[in-house]
């Protein structure tokens, strides 16, 4: 049994609605329903009466609800106790970060912080965006670093979570350079001769960004999928082999562009690219969950630095 199944079930009891609970748990409704069913399979009994509306528990579900609350409280209590001891001993920061940012943004960011703020002991969990968000929601990390776009937002309640924008990232099409140092493939392709396309899997955040690019593309792009993975680094390696066009974060190909191994495959057109925020999140400190002192000091530093860089409003003539 997985702890998240207990949290899913408790959420369902509290909302009496599969759709609402799925949204609160940051999963699709089909995935949420499968997790509830997995819990029922593990227990060997139905917890939810699926013949009624609104959602109603079976007698077994009513009994198990109290047990689930108690089990989850014990698990979280043990985790918080052990983490507080580790944090006190190591004074470290736990970061949940998508794979691409863990390779491109984080190393330079931590190095800069060592110079401008203080030496930091950190533990990095490199996962996909969805799982990184869940790490923060479920208390599995101190900070969440991830991409964000208004049309594919990270849905975290601003009354519960603080947010800072640390930078911007462009997602564009790239292809291997030929011996003349020009890209071997160039958008948009044609219907009769579509370009080989190195794509992300459906569950990848960058894949959803590429879908936005393709949906907005004018003229339309003609691409034929040849390879699929959920990691930008994997697509980059395939592009370096000359296997097709890949949409990659600019920071992931800096070295390859400089060495003329890869080149932009979009004729430098802004019509076939998209920009994302690089955002940092934390749970707001409260009397119940104060958070680590080192995290609070780092957040204050980053917030102050951002305020110092913000353009100041010029005073009207009447105020001078």
Protein backbone atom coordinates (compact mmCIF):
# COMPACT_ATOMS: atom_id res chain seq x y z
CA UNK A 1 0.00 0.00 0.00
CA UNK A 2 1.17 3.54 -0.76
CA UNK A 3 0.72 6.47 1.60
CA UNK A 4 -0.78 8.58 -1.18
CA UNK A 5 -3.67 6.08 -1.42
CA UNK A 6 -4.61 6.94 2.17
CA UNK A 7 -4.40 10.66 1.39
CA UNK A 8 -6.54 10.15 -1.73
CA UNK A 9 -9.19 8.27 0.24
CA UNK A 10 -9.31 10.87 3.01
CA UNK A 11 -9.63 13.63 0.41
CA UNK A 12 -12.50 11.77 -1.26
CA UNK A 13 -14.34 11.39 2.04
CA UNK A 14 -13.91 15.09 2.78
CA UNK A 15 -15.10 16.30 -0.64
CA UNK A 16 -17.61 13.55 -1.57
CA UNK A 17 -16.54 14.21 -5.16
CA UNK A 18 -14.05 12.34 -7.35
CA UNK A 19 -13.43 15.31 -9.67
CA UNK A 20 -12.85 17.78 -6.85
CA UNK A 21 -10.50 15.43 -5.00
CA UNK A 22 -8.56 14.67 -8.17
CA UNK A 23 -8.00 18.41 -8.70
CA UNK A 24 -6.89 18.89 -5.09
CA UNK A 25 -4.50 15.96 -5.41
CA UNK A 26 -3.08 17.28 -8.72
CA UNK A 27 -3.97 14.18 -10.75
CA UNK A 28 -6.48 13.44 -13.49
CA UNK A 29 -9.81 11.95 -12.45
CA UNK A 30 -9.09 8.58 -14.15
CA UNK A 31 -5.74 8.35 -12.34
CA UNK A 32 -7.38 9.29 -9.04
CA UNK A 33 -10.09 6.66 -9.51
CA UNK A 34 -7.45 4.02 -10.25
CA UNK A 35 -5.61 4.87 -7.03
CA UNK A 36 -8.81 4.51 -4.97
CA UNK A 37 -9.42 1.17 -6.68
CA UNK A 38 -5.84 0.11 -5.93
CA UNK A 39 -6.46 0.80 -2.25
CA UNK A 40 -9.67 -1.25 -2.38
CA UNK A 41 -7.84 -4.09 -4.11
CA UNK A 42 -5.14 -4.02 -1.44
CA UNK A 43 -7.76 -4.13 1.34
CA UNK A 44 -9.88 -6.73 -0.46
CA UNK A 45 -13.13 -4.80 -0.07
CA UNK A 46 -15.07 -1.91 -1.58
CA UNK A 47 -14.76 1.40 0.26
CA UNK A 48 -16.97 3.50 -2.02
CA UNK A 49 -20.57 2.80 -3.08
CA UNK A 50 -20.40 3.53 -6.79
CA UNK A 51 -24.14 3.01 -7.31
CA UNK A 52 -25.05 6.22 -5.48
CA UNK A 53 -24.64 9.92 -6.12
CA UNK A 54 -23.22 11.92 -4.49
CA UNK A 55 -20.34 9.69 -3.47
CA UNK A 56 -21.10 7.57 -0.42
CA UNK A 57 -18.96 5.19 1.62
CA UNK A 58 -19.72 1.54 2.15
CA UNK A 59 -19.86 0.30 5.78
CA UNK A 60 -16.28 -0.90 5.31
CA UNK A 61 -15.33 2.56 4.03
CA UNK A 62 -16.78 4.23 7.11
CA UNK A 63 -14.73 1.97 9.38
CA UNK A 64 -11.56 2.36 7.33
CA UNK A 65 -11.80 6.18 7.25
CA UNK A 66 -11.03 6.42 10.97
CA UNK A 67 -8.20 3.91 10.58
CA UNK A 68 -6.79 5.84 7.60
CA UNK A 69 -6.71 9.09 9.60
CA UNK A 70 -4.88 7.37 12.45
CA UNK A 71 -2.38 5.58 10.20
CA UNK A 72 -1.58 8.74 8.23
CA UNK A 73 -1.12 10.77 11.42
CA UNK A 74 1.32 8.17 12.73
CA UNK A 75 3.25 8.02 9.45
CA UNK A 76 3.49 11.80 9.14
CA UNK A 77 4.43 12.14 12.80
CA UNK A 78 7.27 9.68 12.44
CA UNK A 79 8.46 11.36 9.24
CA UNK A 80 8.38 14.85 10.79
CA UNK A 81 10.29 13.63 13.85
CA UNK A 82 13.02 11.97 11.80
CA UNK A 83 13.27 14.88 9.38
CA UNK A 84 13.54 17.40 12.20
CA UNK A 85 16.45 15.43 13.64
CA UNK A 86 18.17 15.21 10.26
CA UNK A 87 17.55 18.90 9.57
CA UNK A 88 18.92 19.90 12.96
CA UNK A 89 22.03 17.82 12.39
CA UNK A 90 22.71 18.76 8.78
CA UNK A 91 21.00 22.13 8.36
CA UNK A 92 20.13 21.15 4.80
CA UNK A 93 17.50 22.16 2.26
CA UNK A 94 15.44 19.53 0.43
CA UNK A 95 14.70 20.52 -3.18
CA UNK A 96 12.20 18.90 -5.56
CA UNK A 97 13.20 19.76 -9.11
CA UNK A 98 12.23 18.53 -12.61
CA UNK A 99 15.00 16.58 -14.36
CA UNK A 100 15.93 19.29 -16.87
CA UNK A 101 16.27 22.08 -14.31
CA UNK A 102 18.30 19.79 -12.04
CA UNK A 103 20.90 19.55 -14.82
CA UNK A 104 20.81 23.09 -16.20
CA UNK A 105 19.61 25.67 -13.67
CA UNK A 106 20.29 24.22 -10.22
CA UNK A 107 24.11 23.78 -10.34
CA UNK A 108 24.74 27.41 -11.34
CA UNK A 109 22.05 28.69 -8.99
CA UNK A 110 23.52 26.89 -5.98
CA UNK A 111 27.01 28.09 -6.89
CA UNK A 112 25.78 31.70 -7.04
CA UNK A 113 24.02 31.31 -3.69
CA UNK A 114 27.25 30.07 -2.10
CA UNK A 115 28.86 33.35 -3.17
CA UNK A 116 26.00 35.76 -2.51
CA UNK A 117 24.18 34.13 0.42
CA UNK A 118 25.95 31.35 2.31
CA UNK A 119 27.19 27.77 1.83
CA UNK A 120 24.16 25.48 1.52
CA UNK A 121 23.82 21.79 2.24
CA UNK A 122 21.13 20.49 -0.08
CA UNK A 123 19.38 17.26 -1.03
CA UNK A 124 17.93 17.25 -4.54
CA UNK A 125 15.09 15.04 -5.74
CA UNK A 126 15.02 15.04 -9.55
CA UNK A 127 11.53 14.00 -10.68
CA UNK A 128 8.90 15.08 -13.22
CA UNK A 129 6.95 18.31 -12.64
CA UNK A 130 3.84 16.52 -11.38
CA UNK A 131 5.76 14.51 -8.79
CA UNK A 132 7.80 17.56 -7.78
CA UNK A 133 4.57 19.44 -7.00
CA UNK A 134 3.30 16.47 -4.99
CA UNK A 135 6.54 16.43 -3.00
CA UNK A 136 5.83 19.98 -1.84
CA UNK A 137 2.11 19.38 -1.22
CA UNK A 138 2.79 16.23 0.79
CA UNK A 139 5.61 17.77 2.83
CA UNK A 140 8.36 15.81 1.11
CA UNK A 141 10.58 18.83 0.37
CA UNK A 142 11.33 22.35 1.58
CA UNK A 143 11.40 24.04 -1.83
CA UNK A 144 9.92 23.29 -5.24
CA UNK A 145 11.67 24.60 -8.34
CA UNK A 146 9.77 24.15 -11.60
CA UNK A 147 8.63 25.59 -14.91
CA UNK A 148 5.37 27.54 -15.15
CA UNK A 149 3.29 28.85 -18.02
CA UNK A 150 -0.12 30.59 -17.77
CA UNK A 151 -1.67 28.01 -20.10
CA UNK A 152 -0.18 25.10 -18.17
CA UNK A 153 -0.03 26.54 -14.65
CA UNK A 154 1.30 24.92 -11.51
CA UNK A 155 -1.86 25.02 -9.43
CA UNK A 156 -0.76 25.78 -5.90
CA UNK A 157 -2.98 27.80 -3.55
CA UNK A 158 -1.31 31.25 -3.10
CA UNK A 159 -2.83 31.49 0.38
CA UNK A 160 -0.79 28.43 1.39
CA UNK A 161 2.34 28.72 -0.77
CA UNK A 162 4.84 31.52 -1.42
CA UNK A 163 6.30 31.95 -4.91
CA UNK A 164 9.26 33.72 -6.49
CA UNK A 165 10.14 33.97 -10.18
CA UNK A 166 13.86 33.21 -10.54
CA UNK A 167 14.18 33.42 -14.32
CA UNK A 168 12.81 32.68 -17.78
CA UNK A 169 13.38 29.78 -20.13
CA UNK A 170 12.76 29.53 -23.87
CA UNK A 171 11.67 26.26 -25.49
CA UNK A 172 12.64 26.02 -29.18
CA UNK A 173 13.31 23.54 -31.99
CA UNK A 174 16.89 22.33 -32.53
CA UNK A 175 18.59 19.93 -34.94
CA UNK A 176 22.12 18.64 -35.55
CA UNK A 177 24.46 20.77 -37.66
CA UNK A 178 25.85 19.37 -40.89
CA UNK A 179 29.45 19.86 -42.02
CA UNK A 180 28.56 23.38 -43.13
CA UNK A 181 27.32 24.16 -39.61
CA UNK A 182 23.70 24.60 -40.62
CA UNK A 183 20.82 22.51 -39.20
CA UNK A 184 20.09 19.29 -41.03
CA UNK A 185 16.35 19.80 -40.54
CA UNK A 186 14.47 23.11 -40.67
CA UNK A 187 10.85 23.88 -39.84
CA UNK A 188 8.11 23.85 -40.98
CA UNK A 189 8.44 20.77 -43.23
CA UNK A 190 5.79 19.80 -45.75
CA UNK A 191 2.82 17.47 -45.85
CA UNK A 192 4.56 15.26 -48.40
CA UNK A 193 7.90 15.36 -46.57
CA UNK A 194 7.30 15.73 -42.82
CA UNK A 195 10.33 16.23 -40.61
CA UNK A 196 11.46 13.49 -38.18
CA UNK A 197 10.18 14.53 -34.76
CA UNK A 198 11.76 13.67 -31.40
CA UNK A 199 8.91 14.13 -28.93
CA UNK A 200 8.12 14.06 -25.23
CA UNK A 201 5.75 11.58 -23.65
CA UNK A 202 2.23 12.71 -22.80
CA UNK A 203 2.94 12.97 -19.07
CA UNK A 204 5.92 15.34 -19.51
CA UNK A 205 5.39 19.03 -18.74
CA UNK A 206 7.63 20.07 -21.64
CA UNK A 207 5.53 17.84 -23.85
CA UNK A 208 2.47 19.92 -23.02
CA UNK A 209 4.47 23.04 -23.83
CA UNK A 210 5.35 21.59 -27.24
CA UNK A 211 1.66 20.83 -27.82
CA UNK A 212 0.92 24.54 -27.26
CA UNK A 213 3.59 25.49 -29.81
CA UNK A 214 2.25 23.05 -32.38
CA UNK A 215 -1.33 24.12 -31.77
CA UNK A 216 -0.49 27.81 -32.27
CA UNK A 217 1.92 27.31 -35.19
CA UNK A 218 1.17 29.41 -38.27
CA UNK A 219 1.92 28.08 -40.78
CA UNK A 220 1.36 24.59 -39.34
CA UNK A 221 4.35 22.34 -38.73
CA UNK A 222 4.61 19.00 -40.50
CA UNK A 223 6.30 16.52 -38.20
CA UNK A 224 6.42 12.73 -38.08
CA UNK A 225 7.14 11.23 -34.63
CA UNK A 226 10.22 9.02 -34.66
CA UNK A 227 11.17 8.82 -30.97
CA UNK A 228 9.60 9.57 -27.58
CA UNK A 229 10.88 10.04 -24.04
CA UNK A 230 9.97 12.13 -21.00
CA UNK A 231 13.45 13.65 -20.56
CA UNK A 232 14.86 16.59 -22.51
CA UNK A 233 18.37 15.21 -22.08
CA UNK A 234 17.32 12.04 -23.92
CA UNK A 235 15.88 14.05 -26.80
CA UNK A 236 19.04 16.13 -26.99
CA UNK A 237 21.21 13.04 -27.35
CA UNK A 238 18.99 11.76 -30.17
CA UNK A 239 19.14 15.16 -31.89
CA UNK A 240 22.94 15.06 -31.64
CA UNK A 241 22.81 11.72 -33.48
CA UNK A 242 20.95 13.44 -36.31
CA UNK A 243 17.73 11.56 -35.68
CA UNK A 244 15.42 14.57 -36.04
CA UNK A 245 14.12 17.82 -34.58
CA UNK A 246 13.66 18.24 -30.82
CA UNK A 247 12.11 21.10 -28.85
CA UNK A 248 14.55 21.76 -26.02
CA UNK A 249 15.02 24.35 -23.27
CA UNK A 250 17.64 26.87 -24.31
CA UNK A 251 19.70 26.30 -21.17
CA UNK A 252 19.98 22.59 -22.03
CA UNK A 253 21.80 23.22 -25.31
CA UNK A 254 24.11 26.15 -24.48
CA UNK A 255 27.31 24.14 -24.93
CA UNK A 256 26.10 22.36 -28.07
CA UNK A 257 25.12 25.66 -29.72
CA UNK A 258 28.49 27.20 -28.90
CA UNK A 259 30.32 24.20 -30.35
CA UNK A 260 28.08 24.20 -33.45
CA UNK A 261 26.85 20.69 -32.75
CA UNK A 262 23.22 21.85 -32.68
CA UNK A 263 21.49 24.83 -34.23
CA UNK A 264 18.06 26.37 -34.10
CA UNK A 265 15.77 24.62 -36.56
CA UNK A 266 13.12 27.35 -36.63
CA UNK A 267 14.78 29.98 -38.87
CA UNK A 268 14.95 32.12 -35.70
CA UNK A 269 11.19 32.62 -35.83
CA UNK A 270 9.45 33.53 -32.58
CA UNK A 271 6.27 31.88 -33.90
CA UNK A 272 7.56 28.41 -33.02
CA UNK A 273 8.84 28.93 -29.50
CA UNK A 274 7.41 29.47 -26.04
CA UNK A 275 8.70 31.11 -22.86
CA UNK A 276 8.22 29.73 -19.36
CA UNK A 277 8.87 31.07 -15.89
CA UNK A 278 11.33 29.30 -13.62
CA UNK A 279 9.55 29.50 -10.28
CA UNK A 280 10.45 28.67 -6.70
CA UNK A 281 7.74 27.66 -4.22
CA UNK A 282 7.60 27.01 -0.50
CA UNK A 283 4.84 26.32 1.97
CA UNK A 284 4.04 29.46 3.97
CA UNK A 285 5.39 29.17 7.53
CA UNK A 286 2.69 28.77 10.16
CA UNK A 287 2.51 28.20 13.91
CA UNK A 288 1.95 24.50 13.22
CA UNK A 289 4.66 24.19 10.53
CA UNK A 290 7.33 26.83 10.94
CA UNK A 291 9.73 25.30 8.46
CA UNK A 292 13.51 25.21 8.68
CA UNK A 293 15.34 28.34 9.75
CA UNK A 294 17.80 28.04 6.84
CA UNK A 295 14.89 27.95 4.37
CA UNK A 296 13.39 31.06 5.95
CA UNK A 297 16.68 32.96 5.74
CA UNK A 298 17.22 31.91 2.12
CA UNK A 299 13.69 32.94 1.16
CA UNK A 300 14.10 36.35 2.82
CA UNK A 301 17.38 36.83 0.93
CA UNK A 302 15.88 35.89 -2.44
CA UNK A 303 12.80 38.03 -1.83
CA UNK A 304 14.90 41.04 -0.86
CA UNK A 305 17.17 40.62 -3.89
CA UNK A 306 14.12 40.44 -6.15
CA UNK A 307 12.67 43.59 -4.58
CA UNK A 308 16.00 45.41 -5.04
CA UNK A 309 16.01 44.53 -8.76
CA UNK A 310 12.38 45.58 -9.31
CA UNK A 311 12.04 48.92 -11.18
CA UNK A 312 10.99 51.71 -8.89
CA UNK A 313 7.99 53.91 -9.66
CA UNK A 314 9.01 57.40 -10.64
CA UNK A 315 7.39 59.96 -8.36
CA UNK A 316 4.93 62.44 -9.96
CA UNK A 317 6.11 66.05 -10.27
CA UNK A 318 3.76 67.09 -7.46
CA UNK A 319 5.57 64.73 -5.03
CA UNK A 320 9.08 66.04 -5.78
